[in-house]
Amino acid sequence: MDKLKEIIDKSNSIVFFGGAGVSTESGIPDFRSKDGLYNQHYKYPPEEILSHTFFMKHTDEFFKFYKDKMNSLKYKPNITHVKLAELEKSGKLKAIVTQNIDGLHQKAGSKNVLELHGSVYRNYCMKCGKSYSAEYVFNSTGVPHCTCGGVIKPDVVLYEESLNESIIEESIYQISQCDTLIVGGTSLTVYPASGLIRYYRGNNLILINRDTTPFDKIANLVINDSLGNVFKNI
């Protein structure tokens, strides 16, 4: 912790790269832990439900799962979200690159949040492009429809879909320019997101995760602990 504080104090441009572990302490389940969504039993495997093909062919079943498991409206930011927002406000943190779609960083006050996998807060009609709120989608009955009759799709990246190119490019830029990269709450096994770390050119690569990751050996500092325990001491 002393080493982490020292690095943060000396840094002028920090980027935080986060995964599902950032939000689990807010009560949002992750995907790959033993209690995660991928290890629960449904009529269809979650990996199949969260695919573009399934969304198009079984839209009603998709929304049953989506409304049940992806509704983050009731959750609140935790200490990690709050501390990151404070670091941004102080001028040290330049960007957050997140794999999460829950919008909790923005709820905590962060401004420059790059959402690799989209957000439940953005939804659009597939027919006319009209935007809809998360509340409209989650409170709808069955498949949410636009006033034009089209199906409303959440702006989240499903399996078989490409990441937003402009978000990827901005994430690469921010990571390549920062002097400190803090990676937290991610197993770093999901590509192409985890591959972004390879664009970091500095000497302060910090990994904070309960379990080991494939990138531990190249990190300058590894902390195997919960993000909450770490950030409450920063």
Protein backbone atom coordinates (compact mmCIF):
# COMPACT_ATOMS: atom_id res chain seq x y z
CA MET A 1 0.00 0.00 0.00
CA ASP A 2 2.84 2.38 0.78
CA LYS A 3 4.37 1.67 -2.62
CA LEU A 4 1.01 2.26 -4.32
CA LYS A 5 0.49 5.56 -2.52
CA GLU A 6 4.00 6.66 -3.44
CA ILE A 7 3.42 5.89 -7.13
CA ILE A 8 0.07 7.74 -7.15
CA ASP A 9 1.56 10.75 -5.37
CA LYS A 10 4.34 11.02 -7.96
CA SER A 11 2.08 10.42 -10.98
CA ASN A 12 0.76 13.18 -13.18
CA SER A 13 -1.36 11.11 -15.56
CA ILE A 14 -3.06 7.92 -14.34
CA VAL A 15 -5.38 5.67 -16.33
CA PHE A 16 -7.51 3.07 -14.57
CA PHE A 17 -8.51 -0.07 -16.47
CA GLY A 18 -11.27 -1.98 -14.71
CA GLY A 19 -13.39 -5.10 -14.99
CA ALA A 20 -16.32 -6.73 -13.22
CA GLY A 21 -14.47 -6.82 -9.88
CA VAL A 22 -14.84 -3.05 -9.62
CA SER A 23 -18.61 -3.39 -9.24
CA THR A 24 -18.99 -6.63 -7.28
CA GLU A 25 -18.67 -4.73 -4.00
CA SER A 26 -21.70 -2.71 -5.05
CA GLY A 27 -23.60 -6.00 -5.24
CA ILE A 28 -23.42 -6.54 -8.99
CA PRO A 29 -22.44 -10.15 -9.80
CA ASP A 30 -19.45 -10.79 -12.01
CA PHE A 31 -19.39 -13.39 -14.75
CA ARG A 32 -16.64 -15.93 -14.22
CA SER A 33 -16.35 -16.50 -10.45
CA LYS A 34 -17.95 -19.59 -8.91
CA ASP A 35 -21.02 -17.50 -8.05
CA GLY A 36 -20.93 -15.50 -11.29
CA LEU A 37 -23.53 -15.41 -14.04
CA TYR A 38 -21.70 -17.96 -16.17
CA ASN A 39 -21.95 -20.55 -13.40
CA GLN A 40 -25.68 -20.19 -12.83
CA HIS A 41 -28.19 -22.37 -14.61
CA TYR A 42 -30.72 -21.04 -17.07
CA LYS A 43 -32.72 -22.51 -19.92
CA TYR A 44 -29.87 -21.37 -22.16
CA PRO A 45 -26.20 -20.73 -21.23
CA PRO A 46 -25.55 -17.01 -20.51
CA GLU A 47 -22.84 -16.98 -23.17
CA GLU A 48 -25.48 -17.97 -25.73
CA ILE A 49 -28.13 -15.58 -24.42
CA LEU A 50 -25.70 -12.66 -24.59
CA SER A 51 -24.92 -13.19 -28.27
CA HIS A 52 -26.11 -11.22 -31.26
CA THR A 53 -27.58 -14.33 -32.87
CA PHE A 54 -29.63 -15.17 -29.78
CA PHE A 55 -30.82 -11.56 -29.46
CA MET A 56 -32.10 -11.61 -33.02
CA LYS A 57 -33.67 -15.10 -32.91
CA HIS A 58 -34.98 -15.23 -29.33
CA THR A 59 -35.49 -11.57 -28.44
CA ASP A 60 -38.09 -12.32 -25.77
CA GLU A 61 -35.82 -14.79 -23.95
CA PHE A 62 -32.93 -12.33 -24.22
CA PHE A 63 -34.89 -9.60 -22.46
CA LYS A 64 -36.07 -11.96 -19.72
CA PHE A 65 -32.42 -12.58 -18.84
CA TYR A 66 -31.31 -9.01 -19.50
CA LYS A 67 -33.96 -7.42 -17.25
CA ASP A 68 -33.34 -10.02 -14.53
CA LYS A 69 -29.54 -9.92 -14.48
CA MET A 70 -28.32 -6.73 -16.14
CA ASN A 71 -30.43 -4.11 -14.36
CA SER A 72 -27.88 -1.96 -12.51
CA LEU A 73 -30.23 0.97 -11.79
CA LYS A 74 -30.69 0.05 -8.14
CA TYR A 75 -26.97 -0.25 -7.38
CA LYS A 76 -24.78 2.49 -5.96
CA PRO A 77 -21.07 3.29 -6.43
CA ASN A 78 -18.67 1.77 -3.93
CA ILE A 79 -15.45 3.14 -2.44
CA THR A 80 -13.45 2.29 -5.57
CA HIS A 81 -15.77 4.29 -7.84
CA VAL A 82 -15.73 7.19 -5.37
CA LYS A 83 -11.94 7.28 -4.97
CA LEU A 84 -11.40 7.14 -8.73
CA ALA A 85 -13.77 10.08 -9.19
CA GLU A 86 -11.77 11.99 -6.54
CA LEU A 87 -8.50 11.20 -8.35
CA GLU A 88 -9.97 12.53 -11.58
CA LYS A 89 -11.19 15.68 -9.85
CA SER A 90 -7.70 16.25 -8.46
CA GLY A 91 -6.29 16.13 -11.99
CA LYS A 92 -4.24 12.96 -11.58
CA LEU A 93 -6.59 10.48 -13.22
CA LYS A 94 -7.02 11.20 -16.93
CA ALA A 95 -9.36 8.38 -17.97
CA ILE A 96 -11.18 5.24 -16.89
CA VAL A 97 -11.31 2.36 -19.35
CA THR A 98 -13.99 -0.06 -18.21
CA GLN A 99 -15.39 -3.38 -19.34
CA ASN A 100 -18.50 -2.75 -17.22
CA ILE A 101 -21.85 -1.59 -18.56
CA ASP A 102 -23.42 -0.50 -15.26
CA GLY A 103 -22.69 3.25 -15.34
CA LEU A 104 -21.48 3.32 -11.72
CA HIS A 105 -18.35 5.33 -12.54
CA GLN A 106 -20.52 8.15 -13.87
CA LYS A 107 -22.83 7.87 -10.85
CA ALA A 108 -19.77 8.45 -8.66
CA GLY A 109 -18.88 11.58 -10.61
CA SER A 110 -16.27 10.40 -13.11
CA LYS A 111 -16.37 12.26 -16.43
CA ASN A 112 -13.94 10.64 -18.86
CA VAL A 113 -15.19 7.04 -18.84
CA LEU A 114 -14.48 4.88 -21.87
CA GLU A 115 -17.00 2.03 -21.89
CA LEU A 116 -15.55 -0.79 -24.00
CA HIS A 117 -18.69 -2.91 -23.82
CA GLY A 118 -21.29 -0.15 -23.93
CA SER A 119 -23.83 0.85 -21.29
CA VAL A 120 -27.29 -0.15 -20.11
CA TYR A 121 -28.04 3.58 -19.96
CA ARG A 122 -28.01 3.93 -23.73
CA ASN A 123 -30.69 2.20 -25.80
CA TYR A 124 -31.85 2.77 -29.34
CA CYS A 125 -34.54 1.66 -31.76
CA MET A 126 -33.14 -0.70 -34.38
CA LYS A 127 -35.61 0.66 -36.92
CA CYS A 128 -35.50 4.47 -36.58
CA GLY A 129 -32.58 5.04 -34.18
CA LYS A 130 -34.57 6.87 -31.50
CA SER A 131 -32.92 6.80 -28.07
CA TYR A 132 -34.53 5.44 -24.93
CA SER A 133 -33.60 5.49 -21.26
CA ALA A 134 -32.60 2.47 -19.21
CA GLU A 135 -35.69 3.00 -17.07
CA TYR A 136 -37.91 2.67 -20.15
CA VAL A 137 -36.28 -0.62 -21.15
CA PHE A 138 -36.14 -2.23 -17.71
CA ASN A 139 -39.68 -1.18 -16.81
CA SER A 140 -41.17 -2.35 -20.10
CA THR A 141 -43.27 -5.47 -20.41
CA GLY A 142 -41.76 -8.16 -22.63
CA VAL A 143 -39.68 -6.91 -25.54
CA PRO A 144 -39.37 -3.08 -25.43
CA HIS A 145 -40.63 -1.39 -28.58
CA CYS A 146 -40.25 2.10 -30.01
CA THR A 147 -43.19 4.32 -30.88
CA CYS A 148 -42.43 3.41 -34.51
CA GLY A 149 -42.83 -0.28 -33.72
CA GLY A 150 -39.15 -1.18 -33.89
CA VAL A 151 -37.35 -3.26 -31.27
CA ILE A 152 -35.23 -1.28 -28.80
CA LYS A 153 -31.71 -2.68 -28.37
CA PRO A 154 -29.46 -1.88 -25.42
CA ASP A 155 -26.19 -0.27 -26.47
CA VAL A 156 -24.15 -3.12 -25.02
CA VAL A 157 -21.66 -5.18 -26.99
CA LEU A 158 -22.94 -8.74 -27.34
CA TYR A 159 -20.90 -11.76 -28.37
CA GLU A 160 -20.34 -11.74 -32.16
CA GLU A 161 -20.45 -7.92 -32.17
CA SER A 162 -17.45 -5.63 -32.61
CA LEU A 163 -16.28 -3.13 -30.03
CA ASN A 164 -16.77 0.54 -30.84
CA GLU A 165 -13.73 1.56 -32.91
CA SER A 166 -13.56 5.13 -31.61
CA ILE A 167 -13.69 3.92 -27.99
CA ILE A 168 -10.89 1.44 -28.71
CA GLU A 169 -8.75 4.14 -30.34
CA GLU A 170 -9.26 6.59 -27.47
CA SER A 171 -8.50 3.85 -24.92
CA ILE A 172 -5.26 3.00 -26.74
CA TYR A 173 -4.32 6.67 -26.81
CA GLN A 174 -4.99 7.22 -23.10
CA ILE A 175 -3.15 4.04 -22.07
CA SER A 176 -0.14 4.78 -24.30
CA GLN A 177 0.17 8.34 -22.94
CA CYS A 178 -0.23 7.82 -19.18
CA ASP A 179 2.66 7.51 -16.73
CA THR A 180 0.77 5.09 -14.44
CA LEU A 181 -1.69 2.36 -15.44
CA ILE A 182 -3.75 0.81 -12.65
CA VAL A 183 -5.57 -2.37 -13.63
CA GLY A 184 -8.20 -3.64 -11.22
CA GLY A 185 -10.95 -6.21 -10.85
CA THR A 186 -10.31 -8.09 -14.07
CA SER A 187 -8.89 -11.51 -14.88
CA LEU A 188 -7.40 -10.04 -18.07
CA THR A 189 -8.50 -13.06 -20.07
CA VAL A 190 -11.14 -11.41 -22.28
CA TYR A 191 -9.86 -10.17 -25.62
CA PRO A 192 -9.62 -7.75 -27.30
CA ALA A 193 -10.11 -5.65 -24.15
CA SER A 194 -7.22 -7.16 -22.17
CA GLY A 195 -4.89 -6.68 -25.13
CA LEU A 196 -5.10 -2.92 -24.61
CA ILE A 197 -2.64 -3.19 -21.73
CA ARG A 198 0.11 -4.00 -24.20
CA TYR A 199 -0.03 -0.39 -25.41
CA TYR A 200 1.23 0.90 -22.06
CA ARG A 201 4.77 2.26 -22.32
CA GLY A 202 5.44 3.47 -18.76
CA ASN A 203 7.11 1.94 -15.71
CA ASN A 204 4.16 1.91 -13.31
CA LEU A 205 1.91 -1.00 -14.28
CA ILE A 206 -0.12 -1.85 -11.19
CA LEU A 207 -2.39 -4.91 -11.04
CA ILE A 208 -4.99 -5.17 -8.26
CA ASN A 209 -7.04 -8.36 -8.29
CA ARG A 210 -8.03 -11.11 -5.87
CA ASP A 211 -6.54 -13.76 -8.15
CA THR A 212 -3.47 -13.93 -10.33
CA THR A 213 -3.60 -12.74 -13.95
CA PRO A 214 -1.59 -13.59 -17.08
CA PHE A 215 0.02 -10.13 -16.86
CA ASP A 216 1.33 -10.37 -13.27
CA LYS A 217 4.84 -11.19 -14.45
CA ILE A 218 5.20 -7.94 -16.37
CA ALA A 219 3.64 -5.70 -13.71
CA ASN A 220 5.69 -3.38 -11.51
CA LEU A 221 3.36 -3.88 -8.56
CA VAL A 222 0.85 -6.68 -7.91
CA ILE A 223 -1.67 -6.52 -5.06
CA ASN A 224 -3.84 -9.61 -4.52
CA ASP A 225 -6.70 -8.13 -2.53
CA SER A 226 -10.16 -6.70 -3.05
CA LEU A 227 -10.33 -3.28 -4.66
CA GLY A 228 -12.34 -1.98 -1.71
CA ASN A 229 -9.61 -2.87 0.76
CA VAL A 230 -7.04 -1.16 -1.43
CA PHE A 231 -8.89 2.02 -2.37
CA LYS A 232 -10.17 2.78 1.13
CA ASN A 233 -6.51 3.26 2.08
CA ILE A 234 -5.58 5.57 -0.78
